[in-house]
């Protein structure tokens, strides 16, 4: 029975997240719930071959906290970027910052890079071949060391706890 469940729901937490996101975006009707459930089962099932190393969430409460922090940072960064862009452009100091990566897991590194890119004002530009350095472009970087410290504290440290890597 367990093997059958593993075949039908290869990533149950992903299916749950997909279904919840579908319900939040489309509305709470029976038809939407059914369609969302079908998609939440089919999408992970059809993309399973593309996931060679299945990421395992080791600390679920920490993951929810991480999501809240990222959503908050996205909102704050949107306002901050809007103010900076609409203000005098001479005050912007764009630049590249090299971020030393302490994560071991490829999925966690990809999630870190995606999180940085999701936050307005920063974009992950490149990951070094040895996966030890992430090149980040920032719209306004006053102190590169402070940016690195903030990303380590707000994003990398929680990801290390979530995936234990």
C-alpha atoms as a PDB file:
ATOM      1  CA  UNK A   1       0.000   0.000   0.000  1.00  0.00           C
ATOM      2  CA  UNK A   2       2.839   2.369   0.868  1.00  0.00           C
ATOM      3  CA  UNK A   3       4.561   1.712  -2.478  1.00  0.00           C
ATOM      4  CA  UNK A   4       1.327   2.509  -4.330  1.00  0.00           C
ATOM      5  CA  UNK A   5       0.955   5.754  -2.395  1.00  0.00           C
ATOM      6  CA  UNK A   6       4.582   6.647  -3.180  1.00  0.00           C
ATOM      7  CA  UNK A   7       3.911   6.056  -6.880  1.00  0.00           C
ATOM      8  CA  UNK A   8       0.725   8.120  -6.959  1.00  0.00           C
ATOM      9  CA  UNK A   9       1.992  10.898  -4.680  1.00  0.00           C
ATOM     10  CA  UNK A  10       5.770  11.019  -5.129  1.00  0.00           C
ATOM     11  CA  UNK A  11       6.006  14.401  -3.368  1.00  0.00           C
ATOM     12  CA  UNK A  12       3.036  14.732  -0.991  1.00  0.00           C
ATOM     13  CA  UNK A  13       4.190  18.047   0.488  1.00  0.00           C
ATOM     14  CA  UNK A  14       4.577  19.527  -3.011  1.00  0.00           C
ATOM     15  CA  UNK A  15       1.110  18.269  -3.926  1.00  0.00           C
ATOM     16  CA  UNK A  16      -0.336  19.885  -0.814  1.00  0.00           C
ATOM     17  CA  UNK A  17       1.421  23.189  -1.514  1.00  0.00           C
ATOM     18  CA  UNK A  18       0.248  23.151  -5.143  1.00  0.00           C
ATOM     19  CA  UNK A  19      -3.326  22.418  -4.113  1.00  0.00           C
ATOM     20  CA  UNK A  20      -3.335  25.140  -1.439  1.00  0.00           C
ATOM     21  CA  UNK A  21      -1.850  27.673  -3.862  1.00  0.00           C
ATOM     22  CA  UNK A  22      -4.459  26.701  -6.463  1.00  0.00           C
ATOM     23  CA  UNK A  23      -7.262  27.157  -3.953  1.00  0.00           C
ATOM     24  CA  UNK A  24      -5.959  30.524  -2.791  1.00  0.00           C
ATOM     25  CA  UNK A  25      -5.612  31.795  -6.362  1.00  0.00           C
ATOM     26  CA  UNK A  26      -8.781  30.373  -7.912  1.00  0.00           C
ATOM     27  CA  UNK A  27     -11.367  30.367  -5.144  1.00  0.00           C
ATOM     28  CA  UNK A  28     -12.997  27.859  -2.856  1.00  0.00           C
ATOM     29  CA  UNK A  29     -15.538  26.031  -5.017  1.00  0.00           C
ATOM     30  CA  UNK A  30     -16.013  22.293  -5.450  1.00  0.00           C
ATOM     31  CA  UNK A  31     -14.961  22.409  -9.108  1.00  0.00           C
ATOM     32  CA  UNK A  32     -11.810  24.359  -8.353  1.00  0.00           C
ATOM     33  CA  UNK A  33     -10.981  22.041  -5.459  1.00  0.00           C
ATOM     34  CA  UNK A  34     -11.323  18.988  -7.712  1.00  0.00           C
ATOM     35  CA  UNK A  35      -9.316  20.511 -10.575  1.00  0.00           C
ATOM     36  CA  UNK A  36      -6.661  21.679  -8.103  1.00  0.00           C
ATOM     37  CA  UNK A  37      -6.443  18.193  -6.596  1.00  0.00           C
ATOM     38  CA  UNK A  38      -6.043  16.599 -10.036  1.00  0.00           C
ATOM     39  CA  UNK A  39      -3.286  19.067 -10.959  1.00  0.00           C
ATOM     40  CA  UNK A  40      -1.622  18.664  -7.555  1.00  0.00           C
ATOM     41  CA  UNK A  41      -1.352  14.916  -8.205  1.00  0.00           C
ATOM     42  CA  UNK A  42      -0.491  15.033 -11.923  1.00  0.00           C
ATOM     43  CA  UNK A  43       2.173  17.763 -11.899  1.00  0.00           C
ATOM     44  CA  UNK A  44       4.535  16.090  -9.407  1.00  0.00           C
ATOM     45  CA  UNK A  45       3.818  12.719 -11.014  1.00  0.00           C
ATOM     46  CA  UNK A  46       4.772  13.888 -14.516  1.00  0.00           C
ATOM     47  CA  UNK A  47       7.810  15.877 -13.375  1.00  0.00           C
ATOM     48  CA  UNK A  48       9.209  13.110 -11.142  1.00  0.00           C
ATOM     49  CA  UNK A  49      11.881  12.028 -13.680  1.00  0.00           C
ATOM     50  CA  UNK A  50      13.359  15.536 -13.567  1.00  0.00           C
ATOM     51  CA  UNK A  51      13.996  15.340  -9.811  1.00  0.00           C
ATOM     52  CA  UNK A  52      17.049  13.057  -9.471  1.00  0.00           C
ATOM     53  CA  UNK A  53      17.677  13.975  -5.833  1.00  0.00           C
ATOM     54  CA  UNK A  54      14.441  14.424  -3.979  1.00  0.00           C
ATOM     55  CA  UNK A  55      14.782  17.299  -1.509  1.00  0.00           C
ATOM     56  CA  UNK A  56      13.596  16.366   1.953  1.00  0.00           C
ATOM     57  CA  UNK A  57      12.260  19.029   4.254  1.00  0.00           C
ATOM     58  CA  UNK A  58      13.627  18.239   7.697  1.00  0.00           C
ATOM     59  CA  UNK A  59      12.155  21.191   9.614  1.00  0.00           C
ATOM     60  CA  UNK A  60       8.614  22.018   8.464  1.00  0.00           C
ATOM     61  CA  UNK A  61       7.888  24.789  11.019  1.00  0.00           C
ATOM     62  CA  UNK A  62      11.128  26.535  10.000  1.00  0.00           C
ATOM     63  CA  UNK A  63      10.023  26.320   6.353  1.00  0.00           C
ATOM     64  CA  UNK A  64       6.787  28.163   7.123  1.00  0.00           C
ATOM     65  CA  UNK A  65       8.784  30.828   8.969  1.00  0.00           C
ATOM     66  CA  UNK A  66      11.122  31.108   5.984  1.00  0.00           C
ATOM     67  CA  UNK A  67       8.167  31.626   3.617  1.00  0.00           C
ATOM     68  CA  UNK A  68       6.786  34.381   5.862  1.00  0.00           C
ATOM     69  CA  UNK A  69      10.181  36.134   5.979  1.00  0.00           C
ATOM     70  CA  UNK A  70      10.566  35.929   2.188  1.00  0.00           C
ATOM     71  CA  UNK A  71       7.052  37.267   1.554  1.00  0.00           C
ATOM     72  CA  UNK A  72       7.662  40.122   3.991  1.00  0.00           C
ATOM     73  CA  UNK A  73      11.024  40.914   2.363  1.00  0.00           C
ATOM     74  CA  UNK A  74       9.432  40.922  -1.102  1.00  0.00           C
ATOM     75  CA  UNK A  75       6.823  43.467   0.010  1.00  0.00           C
ATOM     76  CA  UNK A  76       9.362  45.709   1.755  1.00  0.00           C
ATOM     77  CA  UNK A  77      11.814  45.462  -1.168  1.00  0.00           C
ATOM     78  CA  UNK A  78       9.076  46.381  -3.668  1.00  0.00           C
ATOM     79  CA  UNK A  79       8.409  49.616  -1.798  1.00  0.00           C
ATOM     80  CA  UNK A  80      12.121  50.306  -1.340  1.00  0.00           C
ATOM     81  CA  UNK A  81      12.934  49.744  -5.022  1.00  0.00           C
ATOM     82  CA  UNK A  82       9.997  51.918  -6.110  1.00  0.00           C
ATOM     83  CA  UNK A  83      11.215  54.770  -3.900  1.00  0.00           C
ATOM     84  CA  UNK A  84      14.796  54.414  -5.157  1.00  0.00           C
ATOM     85  CA  UNK A  85      13.829  54.198  -8.829  1.00  0.00           C
ATOM     86  CA  UNK A  86      11.399  57.116  -8.639  1.00  0.00           C
ATOM     87  CA  UNK A  87      13.949  59.205  -6.725  1.00  0.00           C
ATOM     88  CA  UNK A  88      17.200  60.649  -8.049  1.00  0.00           C
ATOM     89  CA  UNK A  89      18.996  57.966 -10.060  1.00  0.00           C
ATOM     90  CA  UNK A  90      22.371  59.417  -9.094  1.00  0.00           C
ATOM     91  CA  UNK A  91      21.924  57.997  -5.612  1.00  0.00           C
ATOM     92  CA  UNK A  92      21.780  54.386  -6.898  1.00  0.00           C
ATOM     93  CA  UNK A  93      24.952  52.327  -6.505  1.00  0.00           C
ATOM     94  CA  UNK A  94      24.465  49.148  -8.537  1.00  0.00           C
ATOM     95  CA  UNK A  95      27.078  46.473  -8.271  1.00  0.00           C
ATOM     96  CA  UNK A  96      27.995  42.809  -8.128  1.00  0.00           C
ATOM     97  CA  UNK A  97      28.643  41.022  -4.849  1.00  0.00           C
ATOM     98  CA  UNK A  98      30.243  37.595  -4.413  1.00  0.00           C
ATOM     99  CA  UNK A  99      28.319  35.553  -1.864  1.00  0.00           C
ATOM    100  CA  UNK A 100      30.154  32.584  -0.260  1.00  0.00           C
ATOM    101  CA  UNK A 101      27.763  29.618  -0.218  1.00  0.00           C
ATOM    102  CA  UNK A 102      27.737  27.301   2.804  1.00  0.00           C
ATOM    103  CA  UNK A 103      24.910  25.050   1.552  1.00  0.00           C
ATOM    104  CA  UNK A 104      25.738  21.522   0.349  1.00  0.00           C
ATOM    105  CA  UNK A 105      22.513  20.560  -1.394  1.00  0.00           C
ATOM    106  CA  UNK A 106      21.956  21.632  -5.027  1.00  0.00           C
ATOM    107  CA  UNK A 107      18.237  22.140  -4.448  1.00  0.00           C
ATOM    108  CA  UNK A 108      18.903  24.385  -1.442  1.00  0.00           C
ATOM    109  CA  UNK A 109      21.414  26.411  -3.491  1.00  0.00           C
ATOM    110  CA  UNK A 110      18.863  26.792  -6.296  1.00  0.00           C
ATOM    111  CA  UNK A 111      16.224  27.833  -3.767  1.00  0.00           C
ATOM    112  CA  UNK A 112      18.613  30.397  -2.265  1.00  0.00           C
ATOM    113  CA  UNK A 113      19.390  31.821  -5.716  1.00  0.00           C
ATOM    114  CA  UNK A 114      15.684  31.945  -6.579  1.00  0.00           C
ATOM    115  CA  UNK A 115      14.825  33.629  -3.290  1.00  0.00           C
ATOM    116  CA  UNK A 116      17.454  36.298  -3.890  1.00  0.00           C
ATOM    117  CA  UNK A 117      16.096  36.885  -7.397  1.00  0.00           C
ATOM    118  CA  UNK A 118      12.501  37.046  -6.133  1.00  0.00           C
ATOM    119  CA  UNK A 119      13.390  39.899  -3.819  1.00  0.00           C
ATOM    120  CA  UNK A 120      13.260  43.124  -5.864  1.00  0.00           C
ATOM    121  CA  UNK A 121      16.577  44.919  -6.106  1.00  0.00           C
ATOM    122  CA  UNK A 122      18.726  41.773  -6.223  1.00  0.00           C
ATOM    123  CA  UNK A 123      19.300  39.136  -8.889  1.00  0.00           C
ATOM    124  CA  UNK A 124      21.342  35.947  -8.720  1.00  0.00           C
ATOM    125  CA  UNK A 125      23.613  36.175 -11.735  1.00  0.00           C
ATOM    126  CA  UNK A 126      25.801  33.064 -11.538  1.00  0.00           C
ATOM    127  CA  UNK A 127      26.817  30.108  -9.398  1.00  0.00           C
ATOM    128  CA  UNK A 128      30.483  29.139  -9.576  1.00  0.00           C
ATOM    129  CA  UNK A 129      31.425  25.726 -10.984  1.00  0.00           C
ATOM    130  CA  UNK A 130      32.450  24.495  -7.535  1.00  0.00           C
ATOM    131  CA  UNK A 131      29.135  25.757  -6.056  1.00  0.00           C
ATOM    132  CA  UNK A 132      31.008  27.770  -3.449  1.00  0.00           C
ATOM    133  CA  UNK A 133      30.176  31.289  -4.684  1.00  0.00           C
ATOM    134  CA  UNK A 134      26.999  32.978  -5.863  1.00  0.00           C
ATOM    135  CA  UNK A 135      27.339  36.159  -7.904  1.00  0.00           C
ATOM    136  CA  UNK A 136      24.587  38.623  -6.985  1.00  0.00           C
ATOM    137  CA  UNK A 137      23.732  41.887  -8.716  1.00  0.00           C
ATOM    138  CA  UNK A 138      22.206  44.485  -6.417  1.00  0.00           C
ATOM    139  CA  UNK A 139      20.441  47.633  -7.589  1.00  0.00           C
ATOM    140  CA  UNK A 140      21.780  49.668  -4.685  1.00  0.00           C
ATOM    141  CA  UNK A 141      24.630  48.169  -2.703  1.00  0.00           C
ATOM    142  CA  UNK A 142      26.030  50.475  -0.059  1.00  0.00           C
ATOM    143  CA  UNK A 143      27.984  47.879   1.901  1.00  0.00           C
ATOM    144  CA  UNK A 144      28.644  44.508   0.194  1.00  0.00           C
ATOM    145  CA  UNK A 145      29.569  42.853   3.509  1.00  0.00           C
ATOM    146  CA  UNK A 146      26.263  43.947   5.052  1.00  0.00           C
ATOM    147  CA  UNK A 147      24.339  42.531   2.072  1.00  0.00           C
ATOM    148  CA  UNK A 148      26.163  39.199   2.408  1.00  0.00           C
ATOM    149  CA  UNK A 149      25.505  39.108   6.170  1.00  0.00           C
ATOM    150  CA  UNK A 150      21.806  39.885   5.676  1.00  0.00           C
ATOM    151  CA  UNK A 151      21.347  37.154   3.046  1.00  0.00           C
ATOM    152  CA  UNK A 152      23.208  34.643   5.221  1.00  0.00           C
ATOM    153  CA  UNK A 153      21.078  35.463   8.267  1.00  0.00           C
ATOM    154  CA  UNK A 154      17.658  35.791   6.585  1.00  0.00           C
ATOM    155  CA  UNK A 155      17.878  33.137   3.841  1.00  0.00           C
ATOM    156  CA  UNK A 156      20.886  30.814   3.948  1.00  0.00           C
ATOM    157  CA  UNK A 157      20.783  29.937   7.662  1.00  0.00           C
ATOM    158  CA  UNK A 158      17.068  28.980   7.583  1.00  0.00           C
ATOM    159  CA  UNK A 159      17.632  26.902   4.425  1.00  0.00           C
ATOM    160  CA  UNK A 160      20.447  25.026   6.192  1.00  0.00           C
ATOM    161  CA  UNK A 161      18.024  24.234   9.017  1.00  0.00           C
ATOM    162  CA  UNK A 162      15.155  23.298   6.690  1.00  0.00           C
ATOM    163  CA  UNK A 163      17.188  20.879   4.543  1.00  0.00           C
ATOM    164  CA  UNK A 164      19.916  20.041   7.109  1.00  0.00           C
ATOM    165  CA  UNK A 165      22.723  20.625   4.643  1.00  0.00           C
END
